[in-house]
């Protein structure tokens, strides 16, 4: 419940709403009160229009957010809360981004403007992002493309609301622009200068988190993935337990170095571990990727089809972009983990569909994915809570529904690529090695 002053003359020192503990919003209100600027710059129409333009928001969204900002600014306690949220995220940068998932839903307080509050806070970080990009000489077109993700998620909020507890629900009237709190950590990765959209895809650097090693032949450029020891796989090459399936004949990987050979269980580029070990002569093969090494992570904006050529162009551009603008962020490989990398889609979809074509250009590897329905929120949106009535209005939706009805599961998968192989996009380079 919002605590308001009767005369609305001064903001309250106490938090104007009850926050969950350890969110970064439950302490240091006195600092926000001491620095409270009165007329908050990012709540002014001019700033909203400028920031909204960088985020590619349409005019109706900007007008809606301006009305929300006027309502918030008229209440000193709500204005203080907006200032406090902005300050801890973009001035002090004190909370962990993941903590913002626990920030409260504000529809009970702000009605249809509940989601617009958080949209305003994310827009308030754009000037700082622009300044950082300019300091790196990053082209404005990359900045605009990166900021566009704010529009993508604000549009989802407007159209289908919030995803929570396995279903979508709208906290206000449909048509209200805003953001749900679960997406705030993701958008902060943009606003903090970690993630960039380059063409169709998004990228950020980070550590390789898989229990795998990649080896490259010194002369032929062939690649092999080997499992670290102690991983348990089913006979189909997926992790035991993936998709909820246990295999009584599961086997465990081993990796031994017996000079002059390294002997271990390989991963086939189709994404499955193989029980039959192979030996790699250490004089001929170099380890080029291991757990903890830096990689360039691929992320997929929820913003249209994954055109095959567009993805290839994006990958080539990104592997030039990061060495040019971020030479301090080297990477050993390009990697993605996602629902759409489940090799099952090779069977469910047409060979000419974008997802199978993308998969065949990568070196796929399995993930220990325990859920049975990975990616359903992306495929079915608000229909995820009732697949019995989910539409069959695309070949993908129909194929997935039939697959699940027959007892199938959808799991996540991973893939790797190397920069010097991107000129072979379209040749199925990794599959061709087996």
Protein backbone atom coordinates (compact mmCIF):
# COMPACT_ATOMS: atom_id res chain seq x y z
CA UNK A 1 0.00 0.00 0.00
CA UNK A 2 1.35 3.41 -0.92
CA UNK A 3 1.95 5.73 2.02
CA UNK A 4 1.12 9.25 0.91
CA UNK A 5 1.37 12.59 2.67
CA UNK A 6 -1.94 14.34 2.97
CA UNK A 7 -0.67 17.61 1.57
CA UNK A 8 1.64 15.93 -0.96
CA UNK A 9 4.20 18.62 -0.21
CA UNK A 10 7.20 16.42 0.60
CA UNK A 11 8.13 12.82 -0.18
CA UNK A 12 7.88 10.37 2.70
CA UNK A 13 11.15 9.17 4.23
CA UNK A 14 9.86 5.60 4.50
CA UNK A 15 9.48 3.41 1.43
CA UNK A 16 6.16 4.27 -0.25
CA UNK A 17 5.42 0.63 -0.96
CA UNK A 18 6.36 -2.65 0.69
CA UNK A 19 9.31 -4.20 -1.15
CA UNK A 20 10.64 -7.71 -0.85
CA UNK A 21 13.84 -7.93 1.13
CA UNK A 22 17.21 -7.89 -0.61
CA UNK A 23 15.92 -6.28 -3.79
CA UNK A 24 18.02 -3.15 -3.53
CA UNK A 25 14.89 -1.07 -2.98
CA UNK A 26 14.33 -1.77 0.70
CA UNK A 27 17.21 0.35 2.04
CA UNK A 28 18.86 3.78 1.68
CA UNK A 29 15.69 5.73 1.16
CA UNK A 30 17.23 8.58 3.10
CA UNK A 31 19.85 8.97 0.37
CA UNK A 32 17.15 9.21 -2.27
CA UNK A 33 15.28 11.78 -0.20
CA UNK A 34 18.47 13.82 0.21
CA UNK A 35 19.16 13.80 -3.54
CA UNK A 36 15.54 14.08 -4.69
CA UNK A 37 15.54 16.69 -7.49
CA UNK A 38 11.88 17.70 -7.19
CA UNK A 39 11.08 17.89 -10.90
CA UNK A 40 12.59 14.61 -12.09
CA UNK A 41 14.19 15.07 -15.52
CA UNK A 42 13.31 11.65 -16.91
CA UNK A 43 9.60 12.18 -16.11
CA UNK A 44 9.44 15.26 -18.34
CA UNK A 45 7.71 14.86 -21.74
CA UNK A 46 10.74 16.04 -23.72
CA UNK A 47 13.01 13.42 -22.14
CA UNK A 48 10.39 10.68 -22.57
CA UNK A 49 10.00 11.50 -26.25
CA UNK A 50 13.74 11.50 -26.83
CA UNK A 51 14.39 8.28 -24.90
CA UNK A 52 11.31 6.65 -26.40
CA UNK A 53 12.55 7.49 -29.88
CA UNK A 54 15.87 5.74 -29.18
CA UNK A 55 13.91 2.72 -27.94
CA UNK A 56 11.82 2.74 -31.14
CA UNK A 57 8.58 3.22 -29.20
CA UNK A 58 5.64 4.23 -31.41
CA UNK A 59 3.84 7.52 -30.78
CA UNK A 60 0.91 5.92 -28.95
CA UNK A 61 3.31 4.23 -26.52
CA UNK A 62 5.16 7.48 -25.88
CA UNK A 63 1.89 9.35 -25.29
CA UNK A 64 0.75 6.63 -22.86
CA UNK A 65 4.02 6.78 -20.93
CA UNK A 66 3.89 10.58 -20.78
CA UNK A 67 0.43 10.33 -19.15
CA UNK A 68 1.81 7.78 -16.70
CA UNK A 69 4.77 10.04 -15.87
CA UNK A 70 2.44 12.98 -15.22
CA UNK A 71 0.42 10.84 -12.82
CA UNK A 72 3.56 9.62 -11.03
CA UNK A 73 5.10 13.09 -10.81
CA UNK A 74 1.92 14.48 -9.27
CA UNK A 75 2.34 12.24 -6.20
CA UNK A 76 5.54 13.00 -4.23
CA UNK A 77 5.74 9.48 -2.85
CA UNK A 78 5.45 7.86 -6.27
CA UNK A 79 7.91 10.38 -7.66
CA UNK A 80 10.35 9.49 -4.89
CA UNK A 81 9.95 5.81 -5.69
CA UNK A 82 10.72 6.52 -9.36
CA UNK A 83 13.78 8.57 -8.41
CA UNK A 84 14.94 5.90 -5.97
CA UNK A 85 14.62 3.12 -8.57
CA UNK A 86 16.54 5.20 -11.11
CA UNK A 87 19.22 6.14 -8.60
CA UNK A 88 19.96 2.62 -7.39
CA UNK A 89 20.07 1.25 -10.95
CA UNK A 90 21.85 3.95 -12.91
CA UNK A 91 23.67 6.16 -10.38
CA UNK A 92 24.69 3.94 -7.47
CA UNK A 93 24.28 0.71 -9.49
CA UNK A 94 23.95 -1.05 -6.17
CA UNK A 95 21.50 -3.96 -6.66
CA UNK A 96 22.24 -7.06 -8.64
CA UNK A 97 20.23 -6.99 -11.84
CA UNK A 98 18.52 -10.27 -11.00
CA UNK A 99 17.07 -8.71 -7.84
CA UNK A 100 14.78 -6.53 -9.95
CA UNK A 101 12.67 -9.62 -10.65
CA UNK A 102 11.39 -9.23 -7.09
CA UNK A 103 10.30 -5.64 -7.51
CA UNK A 104 6.55 -5.37 -6.88
CA UNK A 105 3.77 -5.37 -9.45
CA UNK A 106 2.33 -1.87 -9.29
CA UNK A 107 -1.05 -2.37 -10.92
CA UNK A 108 -2.75 -2.30 -7.47
CA UNK A 109 -1.24 1.16 -6.95
CA UNK A 110 -1.06 2.65 -10.43
CA UNK A 111 -3.74 0.73 -12.31
CA UNK A 112 -3.03 0.71 -16.03
CA UNK A 113 0.14 2.72 -15.40
CA UNK A 114 1.67 -0.05 -13.25
CA UNK A 115 3.84 -1.44 -16.06
CA UNK A 116 4.55 2.04 -17.44
CA UNK A 117 6.38 2.85 -14.19
CA UNK A 118 9.05 0.28 -15.01
CA UNK A 119 9.12 1.28 -18.66
CA UNK A 120 9.91 4.83 -17.52
CA UNK A 121 12.73 3.55 -15.31
CA UNK A 122 14.30 1.59 -18.17
CA UNK A 123 13.97 4.56 -20.52
CA UNK A 124 15.74 6.68 -17.90
CA UNK A 125 18.90 4.62 -18.41
CA UNK A 126 19.17 5.34 -22.14
CA UNK A 127 21.09 8.65 -21.89
CA UNK A 128 23.78 6.95 -19.84
CA UNK A 129 23.92 4.08 -22.34
CA UNK A 130 24.25 6.52 -25.24
CA UNK A 131 27.12 8.29 -23.52
CA UNK A 132 28.92 4.99 -22.95
CA UNK A 133 28.45 3.92 -26.56
CA UNK A 134 29.76 7.28 -27.75
CA UNK A 135 32.82 6.86 -25.54
CA UNK A 136 33.53 3.62 -27.43
CA UNK A 137 32.75 5.22 -30.83
CA UNK A 138 29.98 2.67 -31.35
CA UNK A 139 27.78 3.64 -34.33
CA UNK A 140 24.41 5.14 -33.44
CA UNK A 141 22.66 2.48 -35.53
CA UNK A 142 23.97 -0.20 -33.12
CA UNK A 143 22.79 1.87 -30.14
CA UNK A 144 19.30 2.21 -31.62
CA UNK A 145 19.12 -1.46 -32.52
CA UNK A 146 20.20 -2.42 -29.01
CA UNK A 147 17.65 -0.10 -27.38
CA UNK A 148 14.92 -1.54 -29.59
CA UNK A 149 14.60 -4.53 -27.26
CA UNK A 150 12.84 -2.24 -24.80
CA UNK A 151 10.12 -1.76 -27.41
CA UNK A 152 9.95 -5.52 -28.09
CA UNK A 153 9.18 -6.34 -24.46
CA UNK A 154 6.93 -3.31 -23.95
CA UNK A 155 4.90 -4.49 -26.94
CA UNK A 156 4.59 -7.97 -25.42
CA UNK A 157 3.35 -6.39 -22.19
CA UNK A 158 0.78 -4.39 -24.14
CA UNK A 159 -0.43 -7.37 -26.16
CA UNK A 160 -0.38 -10.32 -23.77
CA UNK A 161 0.69 -9.06 -20.35
CA UNK A 162 2.92 -10.76 -17.81
CA UNK A 163 4.20 -14.34 -17.81
CA UNK A 164 3.96 -15.72 -14.30
CA UNK A 165 3.43 -19.16 -12.78
CA UNK A 166 3.32 -20.82 -16.20
CA UNK A 167 0.73 -18.53 -17.76
CA UNK A 168 0.16 -15.05 -19.11
CA UNK A 169 -2.14 -12.58 -17.43
CA UNK A 170 -2.66 -8.86 -17.88
CA UNK A 171 -2.40 -6.78 -14.68
CA UNK A 172 -4.28 -3.90 -16.32
CA UNK A 173 -6.40 -3.36 -19.37
CA UNK A 174 -4.99 -4.79 -22.62
CA UNK A 175 -3.40 -2.00 -24.60
CA UNK A 176 -1.52 -0.52 -21.64
CA UNK A 177 2.18 -0.13 -22.43
CA UNK A 178 4.73 -1.21 -19.85
CA UNK A 179 7.24 -3.79 -18.70
CA UNK A 180 6.98 -6.68 -16.28
CA UNK A 181 9.64 -7.07 -13.63
CA UNK A 182 10.92 -10.44 -14.87
CA UNK A 183 12.38 -8.79 -17.95
CA UNK A 184 14.18 -5.98 -16.10
CA UNK A 185 17.44 -7.94 -15.52
CA UNK A 186 17.58 -8.67 -19.23
CA UNK A 187 17.09 -5.04 -20.24
CA UNK A 188 19.71 -3.95 -17.71
CA UNK A 189 22.25 -6.05 -19.60
CA UNK A 190 21.63 -3.69 -22.54
CA UNK A 191 21.64 -0.52 -20.46
CA UNK A 192 24.81 -1.46 -18.59
CA UNK A 193 26.72 -1.91 -21.85
CA UNK A 194 27.00 -5.69 -21.76
CA UNK A 195 24.73 -6.75 -24.63
CA UNK A 196 24.55 -5.49 -28.22
CA UNK A 197 22.30 -6.09 -31.16
CA UNK A 198 24.24 -6.46 -34.39
CA UNK A 199 21.92 -7.19 -37.28
CA UNK A 200 19.35 -9.88 -36.52
CA UNK A 201 21.01 -11.25 -33.37
CA UNK A 202 22.22 -10.01 -29.99
CA UNK A 203 25.59 -10.71 -28.39
CA UNK A 204 27.50 -10.40 -25.15
CA UNK A 205 30.77 -11.84 -23.90
CA UNK A 206 30.92 -14.21 -20.96
CA UNK A 207 32.45 -17.48 -19.71
CA UNK A 208 31.84 -20.85 -21.32
CA UNK A 209 29.80 -22.76 -18.74
CA UNK A 210 29.61 -26.23 -20.29
CA UNK A 211 31.53 -29.32 -19.18
CA UNK A 212 33.04 -29.76 -22.62
CA UNK A 213 36.35 -29.23 -24.38
CA UNK A 214 36.81 -28.25 -28.02
CA UNK A 215 39.83 -29.41 -30.01
CA UNK A 216 41.01 -28.16 -33.38
CA UNK A 217 43.23 -30.09 -35.75
CA UNK A 218 46.40 -28.11 -36.34
CA UNK A 219 46.37 -28.41 -40.13
CA UNK A 220 42.89 -29.40 -41.33
CA UNK A 221 40.81 -27.04 -39.08
CA UNK A 222 38.55 -29.95 -38.18
CA UNK A 223 36.81 -29.65 -34.80
CA UNK A 224 35.95 -32.19 -32.11
CA UNK A 225 34.02 -31.70 -28.87
CA UNK A 226 34.88 -34.03 -26.01
CA UNK A 227 32.92 -34.48 -22.78
CA UNK A 228 34.51 -33.82 -19.44
CA UNK A 229 34.54 -36.97 -17.28
CA UNK A 230 31.62 -37.95 -15.07
CA UNK A 231 28.69 -36.83 -17.24
CA UNK A 232 25.77 -39.26 -17.54
CA UNK A 233 24.04 -39.73 -20.87
CA UNK A 234 21.18 -41.81 -22.20
CA UNK A 235 21.72 -44.20 -25.06
CA UNK A 236 20.20 -41.56 -27.38
CA UNK A 237 23.09 -39.20 -26.55
CA UNK A 238 21.10 -36.74 -24.44
CA UNK A 239 21.78 -36.14 -20.76
CA UNK A 240 20.12 -38.72 -18.56
CA UNK A 241 17.02 -37.04 -17.13
CA UNK A 242 16.73 -34.48 -19.91
CA UNK A 243 13.08 -33.81 -20.66
CA UNK A 244 12.13 -35.94 -17.64
CA UNK A 245 13.37 -39.22 -19.15
CA UNK A 246 15.65 -41.59 -17.28
CA UNK A 247 17.49 -44.41 -19.05
CA UNK A 248 18.37 -47.61 -17.14
CA UNK A 249 21.19 -48.16 -19.65
CA UNK A 250 22.70 -44.71 -19.15
CA UNK A 251 26.47 -44.43 -19.43
CA UNK A 252 29.08 -42.09 -17.94
CA UNK A 253 31.69 -40.16 -19.87
CA UNK A 254 35.41 -40.54 -19.34
CA UNK A 255 38.39 -38.45 -20.42
CA UNK A 256 41.95 -39.69 -20.02
CA UNK A 257 45.29 -38.50 -21.28
CA UNK A 258 47.60 -41.35 -22.16
CA UNK A 259 50.54 -39.80 -23.94
CA UNK A 260 50.57 -39.26 -26.80
CA UNK A 261 46.75 -39.50 -27.01
CA UNK A 262 43.70 -37.92 -25.37
CA UNK A 263 40.88 -40.46 -25.18
CA UNK A 264 37.32 -39.40 -24.50
CA UNK A 265 33.67 -39.43 -25.52
CA UNK A 266 32.94 -37.11 -28.44
CA UNK A 267 29.89 -34.99 -29.14
CA UNK A 268 28.57 -35.37 -32.67
CA UNK A 269 27.77 -32.03 -34.36
CA UNK A 270 24.14 -33.13 -34.43
CA UNK A 271 24.07 -32.52 -30.68
CA UNK A 272 24.39 -36.00 -29.19
CA UNK A 273 27.11 -37.55 -27.05
CA UNK A 274 28.63 -40.78 -28.33
CA UNK A 275 29.41 -43.75 -26.12
CA UNK A 276 32.25 -45.01 -28.31
CA UNK A 277 35.39 -43.09 -27.28
CA UNK A 278 37.85 -41.62 -29.73
CA UNK A 279 41.54 -40.86 -29.43
CA UNK A 280 43.10 -37.56 -30.46
CA UNK A 281 46.89 -37.44 -30.94
CA UNK A 282 48.00 -34.49 -28.81
CA UNK A 283 50.70 -33.62 -31.31
CA UNK A 284 47.96 -32.94 -33.90
CA UNK A 285 45.09 -31.42 -31.88
CA UNK A 286 45.00 -28.23 -29.79
CA UNK A 287 42.44 -27.49 -27.08
CA UNK A 288 40.78 -24.24 -28.17
CA UNK A 289 37.90 -24.06 -25.67
CA UNK A 290 37.31 -25.33 -22.14
CA UNK A 291 34.99 -24.51 -19.28
CA UNK A 292 35.57 -20.95 -18.06
CA UNK A 293 37.11 -19.69 -21.30
CA UNK A 294 35.64 -16.47 -22.77
CA UNK A 295 32.98 -16.81 -25.45
CA UNK A 296 30.71 -14.56 -27.46
CA UNK A 297 27.15 -15.48 -26.48
CA UNK A 298 24.35 -15.34 -29.06
CA UNK A 299 20.89 -14.22 -27.96
CA UNK A 300 17.78 -14.11 -30.13
CA UNK A 301 15.62 -10.97 -30.05
CA UNK A 302 11.92 -11.83 -30.02
CA UNK A 303 11.51 -9.65 -33.04
CA UNK A 304 10.54 -11.52 -36.20
CA UNK A 305 11.74 -14.64 -38.04
CA UNK A 306 15.30 -15.92 -37.84
CA UNK A 307 16.10 -15.48 -41.51
CA UNK A 308 18.92 -17.85 -42.44
CA UNK A 309 20.99 -15.35 -44.42
CA UNK A 310 20.26 -12.58 -41.91
CA UNK A 311 21.65 -14.74 -39.11
CA UNK A 312 24.78 -15.52 -41.09
CA UNK A 313 25.32 -11.83 -41.86
CA UNK A 314 24.78 -10.94 -38.21
CA UNK A 315 27.36 -13.46 -37.04
CA UNK A 316 29.96 -12.17 -39.46
CA UNK A 317 29.28 -8.56 -38.44
CA UNK A 318 29.41 -9.37 -34.71
CA UNK A 319 32.75 -11.15 -34.94
CA UNK A 320 34.14 -7.97 -36.48
CA UNK A 321 32.27 -5.60 -34.17
CA UNK A 322 33.60 -6.89 -30.84
CA UNK A 323 37.32 -6.98 -31.73
CA UNK A 324 36.98 -3.45 -33.15
CA UNK A 325 35.03 -1.77 -30.33
CA UNK A 326 35.84 -4.12 -27.42
CA UNK A 327 39.39 -5.40 -27.87
CA UNK A 328 39.37 -5.79 -24.08
CA UNK A 329 36.68 -8.48 -24.40
CA UNK A 330 38.33 -11.33 -26.36
CA UNK A 331 36.51 -14.60 -27.00
CA UNK A 332 37.54 -18.09 -28.07
CA UNK A 333 34.30 -19.15 -29.77
CA UNK A 334 30.73 -18.10 -30.49
CA UNK A 335 28.14 -19.97 -28.40
CA UNK A 336 24.39 -20.12 -27.90
CA UNK A 337 22.16 -22.08 -25.52
CA UNK A 338 18.46 -21.93 -26.28
CA UNK A 339 15.17 -23.76 -26.63
CA UNK A 340 15.40 -23.59 -30.44
CA UNK A 341 18.62 -25.63 -30.44
CA UNK A 342 16.82 -28.84 -29.48
CA UNK A 343 17.77 -31.25 -32.30
CA UNK A 344 14.20 -32.57 -32.15
CA UNK A 345 13.22 -29.70 -34.45
CA UNK A 346 15.22 -31.41 -37.20
CA UNK A 347 12.47 -34.06 -37.21
CA UNK A 348 9.49 -31.84 -36.48
CA UNK A 349 10.04 -29.08 -39.02
CA UNK A 350 10.72 -28.85 -42.72
CA UNK A 351 14.43 -29.11 -43.60
CA UNK A 352 14.10 -25.68 -45.21
CA UNK A 353 12.68 -24.03 -42.07
CA UNK A 354 14.94 -21.43 -40.44
CA UNK A 355 15.55 -23.32 -37.19
CA UNK A 356 16.76 -26.62 -38.74
CA UNK A 357 18.88 -24.69 -41.23
CA UNK A 358 20.49 -22.66 -38.42
CA UNK A 359 21.19 -25.82 -36.43
CA UNK A 360 22.91 -27.55 -39.34
CA UNK A 361 25.46 -24.74 -39.61
CA UNK A 362 26.56 -25.12 -35.98
CA UNK A 363 28.34 -27.65 -33.83
CA UNK A 364 25.45 -28.66 -31.56
CA UNK A 365 25.88 -30.05 -28.05
CA UNK A 366 23.38 -31.37 -25.46
CA UNK A 367 22.28 -29.54 -22.33
CA UNK A 368 21.18 -31.03 -19.03
CA UNK A 369 17.68 -29.66 -19.60
CA UNK A 370 15.24 -31.17 -17.10
CA UNK A 371 12.07 -29.41 -18.18
CA UNK A 372 9.75 -31.01 -20.73
CA UNK A 373 8.41 -27.87 -22.36
CA UNK A 374 11.38 -25.65 -23.13
CA UNK A 375 10.43 -22.72 -25.32
CA UNK A 376 6.66 -23.14 -25.22
CA UNK A 377 6.18 -19.58 -23.96
CA UNK A 378 8.00 -18.38 -27.08
CA UNK A 379 6.03 -20.63 -29.42
CA UNK A 380 2.53 -20.23 -27.95
CA UNK A 381 2.61 -17.04 -25.90
CA UNK A 382 -0.59 -16.66 -23.86
CA UNK A 383 -1.83 -20.11 -24.89
CA UNK A 384 0.87 -21.91 -22.94
CA UNK A 385 -1.42 -22.48 -19.93
CA UNK A 386 -3.91 -24.50 -22.00
CA UNK A 387 -2.30 -26.43 -24.84
CA UNK A 388 -5.59 -28.25 -25.46
CA UNK A 389 -6.95 -25.04 -26.96
CA UNK A 390 -3.65 -23.72 -28.36
CA UNK A 391 -3.86 -22.74 -32.03
CA UNK A 392 -2.45 -24.80 -34.89
CA UNK A 393 -2.07 -21.77 -37.10
CA UNK A 394 1.52 -22.55 -38.18
CA UNK A 395 3.36 -25.69 -39.18
CA UNK A 396 5.62 -25.29 -36.14
CA UNK A 397 2.77 -24.99 -33.65
CA UNK A 398 0.94 -27.96 -35.16
CA UNK A 399 4.09 -30.12 -35.17
CA UNK A 400 4.94 -29.23 -31.57
CA UNK A 401 1.41 -29.98 -30.34
CA UNK A 402 1.43 -33.38 -32.06
CA UNK A 403 4.87 -34.13 -30.66
CA UNK A 404 3.79 -33.34 -27.09
CA UNK A 405 0.50 -35.22 -27.48
CA UNK A 406 2.50 -38.32 -28.43
CA UNK A 407 4.54 -38.12 -25.22
CA UNK A 408 7.45 -36.15 -26.63
CA UNK A 409 9.39 -33.48 -24.80
CA UNK A 410 11.12 -30.26 -25.84
CA UNK A 411 14.48 -29.53 -24.24
CA UNK A 412 17.10 -26.84 -24.65
CA UNK A 413 20.33 -27.34 -26.52
CA UNK A 414 23.56 -25.54 -27.29
CA UNK A 415 25.79 -24.75 -30.23
CA UNK A 416 29.29 -23.51 -31.01
CA UNK A 417 30.88 -21.79 -33.99
CA UNK A 418 34.33 -20.37 -34.66
CA UNK A 419 34.96 -17.07 -36.39
CA UNK A 420 37.22 -18.41 -39.13
CA UNK A 421 34.49 -20.84 -40.19
CA UNK A 422 31.76 -18.25 -40.74
CA UNK A 423 32.75 -17.87 -44.38
CA UNK A 424 31.48 -21.45 -44.71
CA UNK A 425 27.95 -20.50 -43.54
CA UNK A 426 25.55 -22.53 -45.67
CA UNK A 427 27.92 -25.50 -46.21
CA UNK A 428 27.14 -27.48 -43.01
CA UNK A 429 30.86 -27.37 -42.26
CA UNK A 430 30.80 -29.19 -38.91
CA UNK A 431 28.40 -31.94 -39.99
CA UNK A 432 30.56 -32.51 -43.04
CA UNK A 433 33.47 -33.53 -40.81
CA UNK A 434 31.60 -36.64 -39.57
